[in-house]
PDB file of N, CA and C in Angstrom:
ATOM      1  N   MET A   1       0.995  -0.770  -0.106  1.00  0.00           N
ATOM      2  CA  MET A   1       0.040  -0.064  -0.202  1.00  0.00           C
ATOM      3  C   MET A   1       1.022   1.224  -0.128  1.00  0.00           C
ATOM      4  N   ASN A   2       0.528   2.247  -0.711  1.00  0.00           N
ATOM      5  CA  ASN A   2       1.249   3.545  -0.820  1.00  0.00           C
ATOM      6  C   ASN A   2       0.763   4.294   0.261  1.00  0.00           C
ATOM      7  N   ASP A   3       1.170   5.663   0.531  1.00  0.00           N
ATOM      8  CA  ASP A   3       0.855   6.507   1.253  1.00  0.00           C
ATOM      9  C   ASP A   3      -0.458   7.237   0.969  1.00  0.00           C
ATOM     10  N   ALA A   4      -0.966   7.315  -0.278  1.00  0.00           N
ATOM     11  CA  ALA A   4      -2.330   7.863  -0.154  1.00  0.00           C
ATOM     12  C   ALA A   4      -3.380   6.893   0.278  1.00  0.00           C
ATOM     13  N   GLN A   5      -3.089   5.441  -0.003  1.00  0.00           N
ATOM     14  CA  GLN A   5      -4.061   4.366   0.263  1.00  0.00           C
ATOM     15  C   GLN A   5      -4.072   4.444   1.873  1.00  0.00           C
ATOM     16  N   VAL A   6      -2.874   4.262   2.511  1.00  0.00           N
ATOM     17  CA  VAL A   6      -2.891   4.457   4.269  1.00  0.00           C
ATOM     18  C   VAL A   6      -3.977   5.419   4.599  1.00  0.00           C
ATOM     19  N   TRP A   7      -3.368   6.718   4.041  1.00  0.00           N
ATOM     20  CA  TRP A   7      -4.261   7.719   4.746  1.00  0.00           C
ATOM     21  C   TRP A   7      -5.897   7.661   4.272  1.00  0.00           C
ATOM     22  N   THR A   8      -5.888   7.140   3.176  1.00  0.00           N
ATOM     23  CA  THR A   8      -7.501   6.823   2.929  1.00  0.00           C
ATOM     24  C   THR A   8      -8.242   5.945   3.708  1.00  0.00           C
ATOM     25  N   THR A   9      -7.446   4.982   4.152  1.00  0.00           N
ATOM     26  CA  THR A   9      -8.016   3.608   4.907  1.00  0.00           C
ATOM     27  C   THR A   9      -8.280   4.176   6.462  1.00  0.00           C
ATOM     28  N   ILE A  10      -7.395   4.948   7.001  1.00  0.00           N
ATOM     29  CA  ILE A  10      -6.972   5.617   8.085  1.00  0.00           C
ATOM     30  C   ILE A  10      -8.492   6.703   8.152  1.00  0.00           C
ATOM     31  N   GLY A  11      -8.757   7.228   6.891  1.00  0.00           N
ATOM     32  CA  GLY A  11      -9.813   8.538   6.912  1.00  0.00           C
ATOM     33  C   GLY A  11     -11.090   7.522   6.895  1.00  0.00           C
ATOM     34  N   VAL A  12     -11.584   6.610   6.229  1.00  0.00           N
ATOM     35  CA  VAL A  12     -12.756   5.587   6.366  1.00  0.00           C
ATOM     36  C   VAL A  12     -12.670   5.091   7.755  1.00  0.00           C
ATOM     37  N   LEU A  13     -11.678   4.215   8.236  1.00  0.00           N
ATOM     38  CA  LEU A  13     -11.665   3.648   9.669  1.00  0.00           C
ATOM     39  C   LEU A  13     -12.512   4.874  10.643  1.00  0.00           C
ATOM     40  N   ALA A  14     -11.508   6.241  10.400  1.00  0.00           N
ATOM     41  CA  ALA A  14     -12.210   7.353  11.607  1.00  0.00           C
ATOM     42  C   ALA A  14     -13.464   7.618  11.556  1.00  0.00           C
ATOM     43  N   SER A  15     -13.778   7.768   9.795  1.00  0.00           N
ATOM     44  CA  SER A  15     -15.332   7.910   9.837  1.00  0.00           C
ATOM     45  C   SER A  15     -16.378   7.024  10.297  1.00  0.00           C
ATOM     46  N   GLY A  16     -15.881   5.703   9.889  1.00  0.00           N
ATOM     47  CA  GLY A  16     -16.696   4.560  10.680  1.00  0.00           C
ATOM     48  C   GLY A  16     -17.038   4.724  11.913  1.00  0.00           C
ATOM     49  N   MET A  17     -15.749   5.074  12.561  1.00  0.00           N
ATOM     50  CA  MET A  17     -15.943   4.953  14.469  1.00  0.00           C
ATOM     51  C   MET A  17     -16.666   6.577  14.808  1.00  0.00           C
ATOM     52  N   TYR A  18     -16.598   7.396  14.012  1.00  0.00           N
ATOM     53  CA  TYR A  18     -17.387   8.638  14.373  1.00  0.00           C
ATOM     54  C   TYR A  18     -18.645   8.282  14.222  1.00  0.00           C
ATOM     55  N   ALA A  19     -19.298   7.671  13.141  1.00  0.00           N
ATOM     56  CA  ALA A  19     -20.363   7.345  12.997  1.00  0.00           C
ATOM     57  C   ALA A  19     -21.082   6.288  13.822  1.00  0.00           C
ATOM     58  N   THR A  20     -20.244   5.425  14.417  1.00  0.00           N
ATOM     59  CA  THR A  20     -20.426   4.336  15.171  1.00  0.00           C
ATOM     60  C   THR A  20     -20.769   5.088  16.543  1.00  0.00           C
ATOM     61  N   ILE A  21     -20.075   5.826  17.192  1.00  0.00           N
ATOM     62  CA  ILE A  21     -20.361   6.562  18.302  1.00  0.00           C
ATOM     63  C   ILE A  21     -21.428   7.734  18.329  1.00  0.00           C
ATOM     64  N   THR A  22     -21.784   8.225  17.222  1.00  0.00           N
ATOM     65  CA  THR A  22     -22.817   9.104  16.842  1.00  0.00           C
ATOM     66  C   THR A  22     -24.181   8.289  17.063  1.00  0.00           C
ATOM     67  N   LEU A  23     -24.133   7.142  16.119  1.00  0.00           N
ATOM     68  CA  LEU A  23     -25.123   6.426  16.416  1.00  0.00           C
ATOM     69  C   LEU A  23     -25.608   5.808  17.755  1.00  0.00           C
ATOM     70  N   MET A  24     -24.536   5.613  18.528  1.00  0.00           N
ATOM     71  CA  MET A  24     -24.594   5.096  20.013  1.00  0.00           C
ATOM     72  C   MET A  24     -25.122   5.949  20.845  1.00  0.00           C
ATOM     73  N   ALA A  25     -24.758   7.139  20.484  1.00  0.00           N
ATOM     74  CA  ALA A  25     -24.843   8.623  21.456  1.00  0.00           C
ATOM     75  C   ALA A  25     -26.612   8.553  21.156  1.00  0.00           C
ATOM     76  N   THR A  26     -26.887   8.501  20.195  1.00  0.00           N
ATOM     77  CA  THR A  26     -28.266   8.870  19.470  1.00  0.00           C
ATOM     78  C   THR A  26     -29.247   7.787  20.127  1.00  0.00           C
ATOM     79  N   MET A  27     -29.019   6.575  20.106  1.00  0.00           N
ATOM     80  CA  MET A  27     -29.733   5.363  20.562  1.00  0.00           C
ATOM     81  C   MET A  27     -29.663   5.642  22.259  1.00  0.00           C
ATOM     82  N   PHE A  28     -28.836   6.155  22.719  1.00  0.00           N
ATOM     83  CA  PHE A  28     -28.543   6.267  24.117  1.00  0.00           C
ATOM     84  C   PHE A  28     -29.497   7.326  24.655  1.00  0.00           C
ATOM     85  N   VAL A  29     -29.608   8.348  23.874  1.00  0.00           N
ATOM     86  CA  VAL A  29     -30.361   9.553  24.143  1.00  0.00           C
ATOM     87  C   VAL A  29     -31.532   9.211  24.584  1.00  0.00           C
ATOM     88  N   ARG A  30     -32.060   8.370  23.065  1.00  0.00           N
ATOM     89  CA  ARG A  30     -33.743   8.111  22.977  1.00  0.00           C
ATOM     90  C   ARG A  30     -34.266   6.966  23.945  1.00  0.00           C
ATOM     91  N   ILE A  31     -33.380   6.353  24.246  1.00  0.00           N
ATOM     92  CA  ILE A  31     -33.774   5.351  25.397  1.00  0.00           C
ATOM     93  C   ILE A  31     -33.685   6.007  26.527  1.00  0.00           C
ATOM     94  N   ILE A  32     -32.859   6.838  27.184  1.00  0.00           N
ATOM     95  CA  ILE A  32     -33.230   7.737  28.470  1.00  0.00           C
ATOM     96  C   ILE A  32     -34.514   8.466  28.216  1.00  0.00           C
ATOM     97  N   LYS A  33     -35.015   9.149  27.115  1.00  0.00           N
ATOM     98  CA  LYS A  33     -35.730   9.898  27.041  1.00  0.00           C
ATOM     99  C   LYS A  33     -37.328   9.151  27.202  1.00  0.00           C
ATOM    100  N   THR A  34     -37.182   7.834  26.515  1.00  0.00           N
ATOM    101  CA  THR A  34     -38.153   6.883  26.968  1.00  0.00           C
ATOM    102  C   THR A  34     -38.497   6.269  28.231  1.00  0.00           C
ATOM    103  N   GLU A  35     -37.014   6.112  28.930  1.00  0.00           N
ATOM    104  CA  GLU A  35     -37.345   5.879  30.268  1.00  0.00           C
ATOM    105  C   GLU A  35     -37.867   6.732  31.218  1.00  0.00           C
ATOM    106  N   ILE A  36     -37.355   7.911  31.070  1.00  0.00           N
ATOM    107  CA  ILE A  36     -37.878   9.019  31.791  1.00  0.00           C
ATOM    108  C   ILE A  36     -39.282   9.221  31.702  1.00  0.00           C
ATOM    109  N   GLY A  37     -39.820   8.878  30.526  1.00  0.00           N
ATOM    110  CA  GLY A  37     -41.200   8.937  30.177  1.00  0.00           C
ATOM    111  C   GLY A  37     -42.168   8.088  31.110  1.00  0.00           C
ATOM    112  N   THR A  38     -41.375   7.022  31.091  1.00  0.00           N
ATOM    113  CA  THR A  38     -42.004   5.671  31.581  1.00  0.00           C
ATOM    114  C   THR A  38     -41.899   6.013  33.163  1.00  0.00           C
ATOM    115  N   VAL A  39     -40.935   6.634  33.876  1.00  0.00           N
ATOM    116  CA  VAL A  39     -41.160   6.965  35.221  1.00  0.00           C
ATOM    117  C   VAL A  39     -42.075   8.068  35.541  1.00  0.00           C
ATOM    118  N   ARG A  40     -42.158   9.049  34.472  1.00  0.00           N
ATOM    119  CA  ARG A  40     -43.406  10.309  34.757  1.00  0.00           C
ATOM    120  C   ARG A  40     -44.207   9.597  34.862  1.00  0.00           C
ATOM    121  N   THR A  41     -44.990   8.573  34.062  1.00  0.00           N
ATOM    122  CA  THR A  41     -45.960   7.922  33.816  1.00  0.00           C
ATOM    123  C   THR A  41     -46.285   7.085  35.279  1.00  0.00           C
ATOM    124  N   GLU A  42     -45.322   6.257  35.715  1.00  0.00           N
ATOM    125  CA  GLU A  42     -45.461   5.656  37.218  1.00  0.00           C
ATOM    126  C   GLU A  42     -45.675   6.733  38.027  1.00  0.00           C
ATOM    127  N   ILE A  43     -44.890   7.709  38.229  1.00  0.00           N
ATOM    128  CA  ILE A  43     -44.933   8.677  38.968  1.00  0.00           C
ATOM    129  C   ILE A  43     -46.523   9.355  39.311  1.00  0.00           C
ATOM    130  N   GLY A  44     -46.904   9.284  37.694  1.00  0.00           N
ATOM    131  CA  GLY A  44     -48.447   9.905  37.814  1.00  0.00           C
ATOM    132  C   GLY A  44     -49.265   9.051  38.339  1.00  0.00           C
ATOM    133  N   GLY A  45     -48.841   7.612  38.133  1.00  0.00           N
ATOM    134  CA  GLY A  45     -50.123   6.757  38.770  1.00  0.00           C
ATOM    135  C   GLY A  45     -49.919   6.540  40.122  1.00  0.00           C
ATOM    136  N   ILE A  46     -48.847   6.841  40.929  1.00  0.00           N
ATOM    137  CA  ILE A  46     -48.578   6.744  42.456  1.00  0.00           C
ATOM    138  C   ILE A  46     -49.438   7.976  42.860  1.00  0.00           C
ATOM    139  N   HIS A  47     -49.257   9.207  42.095  1.00  0.00           N
ATOM    140  CA  HIS A  47     -49.875  10.426  42.307  1.00  0.00           C
ATOM    141  C   HIS A  47     -51.134   9.996  42.520  1.00  0.00           C
ATOM    142  N   THR A  48     -51.923   9.350  41.534  1.00  0.00           N
ATOM    143  CA  THR A  48     -53.410   9.231  41.440  1.00  0.00           C
ATOM    144  C   THR A  48     -53.595   8.423  42.727  1.00  0.00           C
ATOM    145  N   GLU A  49     -53.241   7.428  42.625  1.00  0.00           N
ATOM    146  CA  GLU A  49     -53.433   6.548  43.892  1.00  0.00           C
ATOM    147  C   GLU A  49     -53.148   7.319  45.289  1.00  0.00           C
ATOM    148  N   ILE A  50     -52.225   8.135  45.446  1.00  0.00           N
ATOM    149  CA  ILE A  50     -52.108   8.813  46.592  1.00  0.00           C
ATOM    150  C   ILE A  50     -53.357   9.537  47.000  1.00  0.00           C
ATOM    151  N   GLY A  51     -53.693  10.486  45.899  1.00  0.00           N
ATOM    152  CA  GLY A  51     -55.045  10.908  45.852  1.00  0.00           C
ATOM    153  C   GLY A  51     -56.282  10.510  46.250  1.00  0.00           C
ATOM    154  N   GLY A  52     -56.422   9.000  45.832  1.00  0.00           N
ATOM    155  CA  GLY A  52     -57.488   8.277  46.262  1.00  0.00           C
ATOM    156  C   GLY A  52     -57.048   7.653  47.816  1.00  0.00           C
ATOM    157  N   ILE A  53     -56.337   7.673  48.340  1.00  0.00           N
ATOM    158  CA  ILE A  53     -55.885   7.267  49.388  1.00  0.00           C
ATOM    159  C   ILE A  53     -56.416   8.500  50.395  1.00  0.00           C
ATOM    160  N   LYS A  54     -55.855   9.699  50.019  1.00  0.00           N
ATOM    161  CA  LYS A  54     -56.408  10.433  50.897  1.00  0.00           C
ATOM    162  C   LYS A  54     -57.768  10.756  51.055  1.00  0.00           C
ATOM    163  N   GLY A  55     -58.608  10.290  49.745  1.00  0.00           N
ATOM    164  CA  GLY A  55     -59.830  10.774  49.707  1.00  0.00           C
ATOM    165  C   GLY A  55     -60.615   9.541  50.785  1.00  0.00           C
ATOM    166  N   GLU A  56     -59.926   8.479  50.868  1.00  0.00           N
ATOM    167  CA  GLU A  56     -60.472   7.291  51.813  1.00  0.00           C
ATOM    168  C   GLU A  56     -60.140   7.829  53.202  1.00  0.00           C
ATOM    169  N   ILE A  57     -58.912   8.452  53.398  1.00  0.00           N
ATOM    170  CA  ILE A  57     -58.888   8.765  54.644  1.00  0.00           C
ATOM    171  C   ILE A  57     -59.823  10.051  55.444  1.00  0.00           C
ATOM    172  N   VAL A  58     -60.135  10.784  54.148  1.00  0.00           N
ATOM    173  CA  VAL A  58     -61.095  11.667  54.620  1.00  0.00           C
ATOM    174  C   VAL A  58     -62.621  11.057  55.072  1.00  0.00           C
ATOM    175  N   GLY A  59     -62.953  10.214  54.043  1.00  0.00           N
ATOM    176  CA  GLY A  59     -64.118   9.372  54.583  1.00  0.00           C
ATOM    177  C   GLY A  59     -64.062   8.812  55.977  1.00  0.00           C
ATOM    178  N   ILE A  60     -62.674   8.009  56.135  1.00  0.00           N
ATOM    179  CA  ILE A  60     -62.668   7.696  57.610  1.00  0.00           C
ATOM    180  C   ILE A  60     -62.716   8.441  58.472  1.00  0.00           C
ATOM    181  N   LYS A  61     -62.156   9.663  58.344  1.00  0.00           N
ATOM    182  CA  LYS A  61     -62.167  10.750  59.381  1.00  0.00           C
ATOM    183  C   LYS A  61     -63.530  10.970  59.662  1.00  0.00           C
ATOM    184  N   GLY A  62     -64.482  11.058  58.460  1.00  0.00           N
ATOM    185  CA  GLY A  62     -65.825  11.180  58.756  1.00  0.00           C
ATOM    186  C   GLY A  62     -66.747  10.649  59.453  1.00  0.00           C
ATOM    187  N   GLU A  63     -66.158   9.236  59.289  1.00  0.00           N
ATOM    188  CA  GLU A  63     -66.571   7.904  59.919  1.00  0.00           C
ATOM    189  C   GLU A  63     -66.399   8.086  61.505  1.00  0.00           C
ATOM    190  N   ILE A  64     -65.300   8.320  61.657  1.00  0.00           N
ATOM    191  CA  ILE A  64     -64.653   8.426  63.104  1.00  0.00           C
ATOM    192  C   ILE A  64     -65.609   9.377  63.695  1.00  0.00           C
ATOM    193  N   VAL A  65     -65.686  10.480  63.276  1.00  0.00           N
ATOM    194  CA  VAL A  65     -66.920  11.583  63.738  1.00  0.00           C
ATOM    195  C   VAL A  65     -67.960  11.201  64.088  1.00  0.00           C
ATOM    196  N   GLY A  66     -68.517  10.269  63.308  1.00  0.00           N
ATOM    197  CA  GLY A  66     -69.878   9.735  63.518  1.00  0.00           C
ATOM    198  C   GLY A  66     -70.027   8.951  64.506  1.00  0.00           C
ATOM    199  N   VAL A  67     -68.735   7.769  64.525  1.00  0.00           N
ATOM    200  CA  VAL A  67     -68.717   6.899  65.757  1.00  0.00           C
ATOM    201  C   VAL A  67     -68.704   7.716  67.233  1.00  0.00           C
ATOM    202  N   LYS A  68     -67.958   8.728  66.992  1.00  0.00           N
ATOM    203  CA  LYS A  68     -67.569   9.837  68.223  1.00  0.00           C
ATOM    204  C   LYS A  68     -69.152  10.184  68.888  1.00  0.00           C
ATOM    205  N   ALA A  69     -69.541  10.713  67.839  1.00  0.00           N
ATOM    206  CA  ALA A  69     -71.235  11.272  68.211  1.00  0.00           C
ATOM    207  C   ALA A  69     -71.913  10.193  68.690  1.00  0.00           C
ATOM    208  N   GLU A  70     -71.780   9.084  68.185  1.00  0.00           N
ATOM    209  CA  GLU A  70     -72.545   7.946  68.857  1.00  0.00           C
ATOM    210  C   GLU A  70     -72.176   7.620  70.158  1.00  0.00           C
ATOM    211  N   ILE A  71     -70.982   7.277  70.337  1.00  0.00           N
ATOM    212  CA  ILE A  71     -70.389   7.128  71.825  1.00  0.00           C
ATOM    213  C   ILE A  71     -71.067   8.191  72.584  1.00  0.00           C
ATOM    214  N   GLY A  72     -71.037   9.484  72.499  1.00  0.00           N
ATOM    215  CA  GLY A  72     -71.484  10.345  73.146  1.00  0.00           C
ATOM    216  C   GLY A  72     -72.960  10.223  73.589  1.00  0.00           C
ATOM    217  N   ASP A  73     -73.816   9.842  72.350  1.00  0.00           N
ATOM    218  CA  ASP A  73     -75.053   9.572  72.541  1.00  0.00           C
ATOM    219  C   ASP A  73     -75.546   8.599  73.359  1.00  0.00           C
ATOM    220  N   LEU A  74     -74.535   7.372  73.534  1.00  0.00           N
ATOM    221  CA  LEU A  74     -74.743   6.293  74.312  1.00  0.00           C
ATOM    222  C   LEU A  74     -74.161   6.640  75.717  1.00  0.00           C
ATOM    223  N   ARG A  75     -73.481   7.455  75.837  1.00  0.00           N
ATOM    224  CA  ARG A  75     -73.050   7.980  77.023  1.00  0.00           C
ATOM    225  C   ARG A  75     -74.262   8.447  77.955  1.00  0.00           C
ATOM    226  N   LYS A  76     -74.867   9.448  76.951  1.00  0.00           N
ATOM    227  CA  LYS A  76     -75.960  10.045  77.422  1.00  0.00           C
ATOM    228  C   LYS A  76     -77.280   9.160  77.910  1.00  0.00           C
ATOM    229  N   GLU A  77     -77.300   7.786  77.322  1.00  0.00           N
ATOM    230  CA  GLU A  77     -78.408   6.848  77.541  1.00  0.00           C
ATOM    231  C   GLU A  77     -77.818   6.318  78.689  1.00  0.00           C
ATOM    232  N   VAL A  78     -76.585   5.953  78.885  1.00  0.00           N
ATOM    233  CA  VAL A  78     -76.103   5.181  80.177  1.00  0.00           C
ATOM    234  C   VAL A  78     -76.329   5.892  81.211  1.00  0.00           C
ATOM    235  N   HIS A  79     -75.877   7.423  81.226  1.00  0.00           N
ATOM    236  CA  HIS A  79     -76.096   8.401  82.273  1.00  0.00           C
ATOM    237  C   HIS A  79     -77.651   8.241  82.687  1.00  0.00           C
ATOM    238  N   GLY A  80     -78.605   8.343  81.568  1.00  0.00           N
ATOM    239  CA  GLY A  80     -80.116   8.232  82.072  1.00  0.00           C
ATOM    240  C   GLY A  80     -80.420   7.080  82.600  1.00  0.00           C
ATOM    241  N   LEU A  81     -80.002   5.671  81.953  1.00  0.00           N
ATOM    242  CA  LEU A  81     -80.320   4.627  82.738  1.00  0.00           C
ATOM    243  C   LEU A  81     -79.780   4.371  84.187  1.00  0.00           C
ATOM    244  N   SER A  82     -78.389   5.115  84.606  1.00  0.00           N
ATOM    245  CA  SER A  82     -78.087   5.027  85.706  1.00  0.00           C
ATOM    246  C   SER A  82     -78.967   6.077  86.533  1.00  0.00           C
ATOM    247  N   ARG A  83     -79.301   7.087  86.126  1.00  0.00           N
ATOM    248  CA  ARG A  83     -80.448   7.871  87.036  1.00  0.00           C
ATOM    249  C   ARG A  83     -81.720   7.081  87.110  1.00  0.00           C
ATOM    250  N   ARG A  84     -82.317   6.253  86.345  1.00  0.00           N
ATOM    251  CA  ARG A  84     -83.289   5.472  86.362  1.00  0.00           C
ATOM    252  C   ARG A  84     -83.123   4.276  87.441  1.00  0.00           C
ATOM    253  N   MET A  85     -81.906   3.660  87.335  1.00  0.00           N
ATOM    254  CA  MET A  85     -81.711   2.828  88.407  1.00  0.00           C
ATOM    255  C   MET A  85     -81.416   3.217  89.562  1.00  0.00           C
ATOM    256  N   ASP A  86     -80.902   4.608  89.896  1.00  0.00           N
ATOM    257  CA  ASP A  86     -81.038   5.164  91.208  1.00  0.00           C
ATOM    258  C   ASP A  86     -82.081   5.286  91.503  1.00  0.00           C
ATOM    259  N   GLY A  87     -83.183   5.891  90.879  1.00  0.00           N
ATOM    260  CA  GLY A  87     -84.456   5.779  91.243  1.00  0.00           C
ATOM    261  C   GLY A  87     -85.148   4.696  91.417  1.00  0.00           C
ATOM    262  N   LEU A  88     -85.222   3.658  90.899  1.00  0.00           N
ATOM    263  CA  LEU A  88     -85.633   2.401  91.100  1.00  0.00           C
ATOM    264  C   LEU A  88     -85.320   1.824  92.083  1.00  0.00           C
ATOM    265  N   ASP A  89     -83.846   1.805  92.633  1.00  0.00           N
ATOM    266  CA  ASP A  89     -83.114   1.451  93.957  1.00  0.00           C
ATOM    267  C   ASP A  89     -83.750   2.185  95.069  1.00  0.00           C
ATOM    268  N   ARG A  90     -84.192   3.581  95.037  1.00  0.00           N
ATOM    269  CA  ARG A  90     -84.526   4.321  95.898  1.00  0.00           C
ATOM    270  C   ARG A  90     -86.195   3.668  96.177  1.00  0.00           C
ATOM    271  N   ASP A  91     -86.690   3.522  94.966  1.00  0.00           N
ATOM    272  CA  ASP A  91     -88.167   3.239  95.428  1.00  0.00           C
ATOM    273  C   ASP A  91     -88.344   1.642  95.985  1.00  0.00           C
ATOM    274  N   VAL A  92     -87.275   0.842  95.583  1.00  0.00           N
ATOM    275  CA  VAL A  92     -87.515  -0.406  95.967  1.00  0.00           C
ATOM    276  C   VAL A  92     -87.204  -0.660  97.451  1.00  0.00           C
ATOM    277  N   SER A  93     -85.900   0.268  97.737  1.00  0.00           N
ATOM    278  CA  SER A  93     -85.663   0.270  99.320  1.00  0.00           C
ATOM    279  C   SER A  93     -86.937   0.995 100.057  1.00  0.00           C
ATOM    280  N   ALA A  94     -87.527   1.863  99.702  1.00  0.00           N
ATOM    281  CA  ALA A  94     -88.615   2.465 100.395  1.00  0.00           C
ATOM    282  C   ALA A  94     -89.477   1.404 100.302  1.00  0.00           C
ATOM    283  N   ILE A  95     -89.930   0.760  99.241  1.00  0.00           N
ATOM    284  CA  ILE A  95     -90.931  -0.398  99.596  1.00  0.00           C
ATOM    285  C   ILE A  95     -90.591  -1.723 100.510  1.00  0.00           C
ATOM    286  N   SER A  96     -89.083  -2.007 100.498  1.00  0.00           N
ATOM    287  CA  SER A  96     -88.963  -2.938 101.382  1.00  0.00           C
ATOM    288  C   SER A  96     -88.489  -2.504 102.739  1.00  0.00           C
ATOM    289  N   ARG A  97     -88.490  -1.051 103.064  1.00  0.00           N
ATOM    290  CA  ARG A  97     -88.638  -0.973 104.475  1.00  0.00           C
ATOM    291  C   ARG A  97     -90.022  -0.757 104.848  1.00  0.00           C
ATOM    292  N   HIS A  98     -90.868  -0.355 103.924  1.00  0.00           N
ATOM    293  CA  HIS A  98     -92.269   0.000 104.253  1.00  0.00           C
ATOM    294  C   HIS A  98     -92.856  -1.469 104.442  1.00  0.00           C
ATOM    295  N   LEU A  99     -92.708  -2.704 103.620  1.00  0.00           N
ATOM    296  CA  LEU A  99     -92.967  -3.959 103.872  1.00  0.00           C
ATOM    297  C   LEU A  99     -92.576  -4.618 105.060  1.00  0.00           C
ATOM    298  N   PHE A 100     -91.197  -4.203 105.432  1.00  0.00           N
ATOM    299  CA  PHE A 100     -90.540  -5.237 106.624  1.00  0.00           C
ATOM    300  C   PHE A 100     -90.307  -4.273 107.779  1.00  0.00           C
ATOM    301  N   GLY A 101     -90.910  -3.165 107.668  1.00  0.00           N
ATOM    302  CA  GLY A 101     -91.044  -2.066 108.994  1.00  0.00           C
ATOM    303  C   GLY A 101     -89.487  -1.813 109.535  1.00  0.00           C
ATOM    304  N   ILE A 102     -88.577  -1.854 108.490  1.00  0.00           N
ATOM    305  CA  ILE A 102     -87.379  -1.294 108.832  1.00  0.00           C
ATOM    306  C   ILE A 102     -86.947   0.090 109.067  1.00  0.00           C
ATOM    307  N   ASP A 103     -86.715   1.081 110.010  1.00  0.00           N
ATOM    308  CA  ASP A 103     -86.443   2.164 110.264  1.00  0.00           C
ATOM    309  C   ASP A 103     -85.473   2.536 109.344  1.00  0.00           C
ATOM    310  N   PRO A 104     -85.748   3.834 108.930  1.00  0.00           N
ATOM    311  CA  PRO A 104     -84.437   4.218 107.764  1.00  0.00           C
ATOM    312  C   PRO A 104     -83.286   5.238 108.497  1.00  0.00           C
ATOM    313  N   ALA A 105     -82.824   4.724 109.699  1.00  0.00           N
ATOM    314  CA  ALA A 105     -82.042   5.432 110.526  1.00  0.00           C
ATOM    315  C   ALA A 105     -80.628   5.490 109.902  1.00  0.00           C
TER     316      ALA A 105
END
């Protein structure tokens, strides 16, 4: 091979290497863009799920408030029953004292 053929071969090989590097870089950038898009989609899905969970939490908080109100109502009913039992106890004691002639000392 003479001097011109050597330089031509070097130029062809250098061009081929440059083209290969360019092709690989372009493919790498496309893959990265695709993967970033996929990650964004996944994050959007997770964001939607979190929004749904927040809605469920709000619903549960509302149910807890309702349960607290029911507990308050039950306390009132138990207090009312306690007063009735006290009154009933007083009446039964009075009747037993009257029937058995016990002095209320």
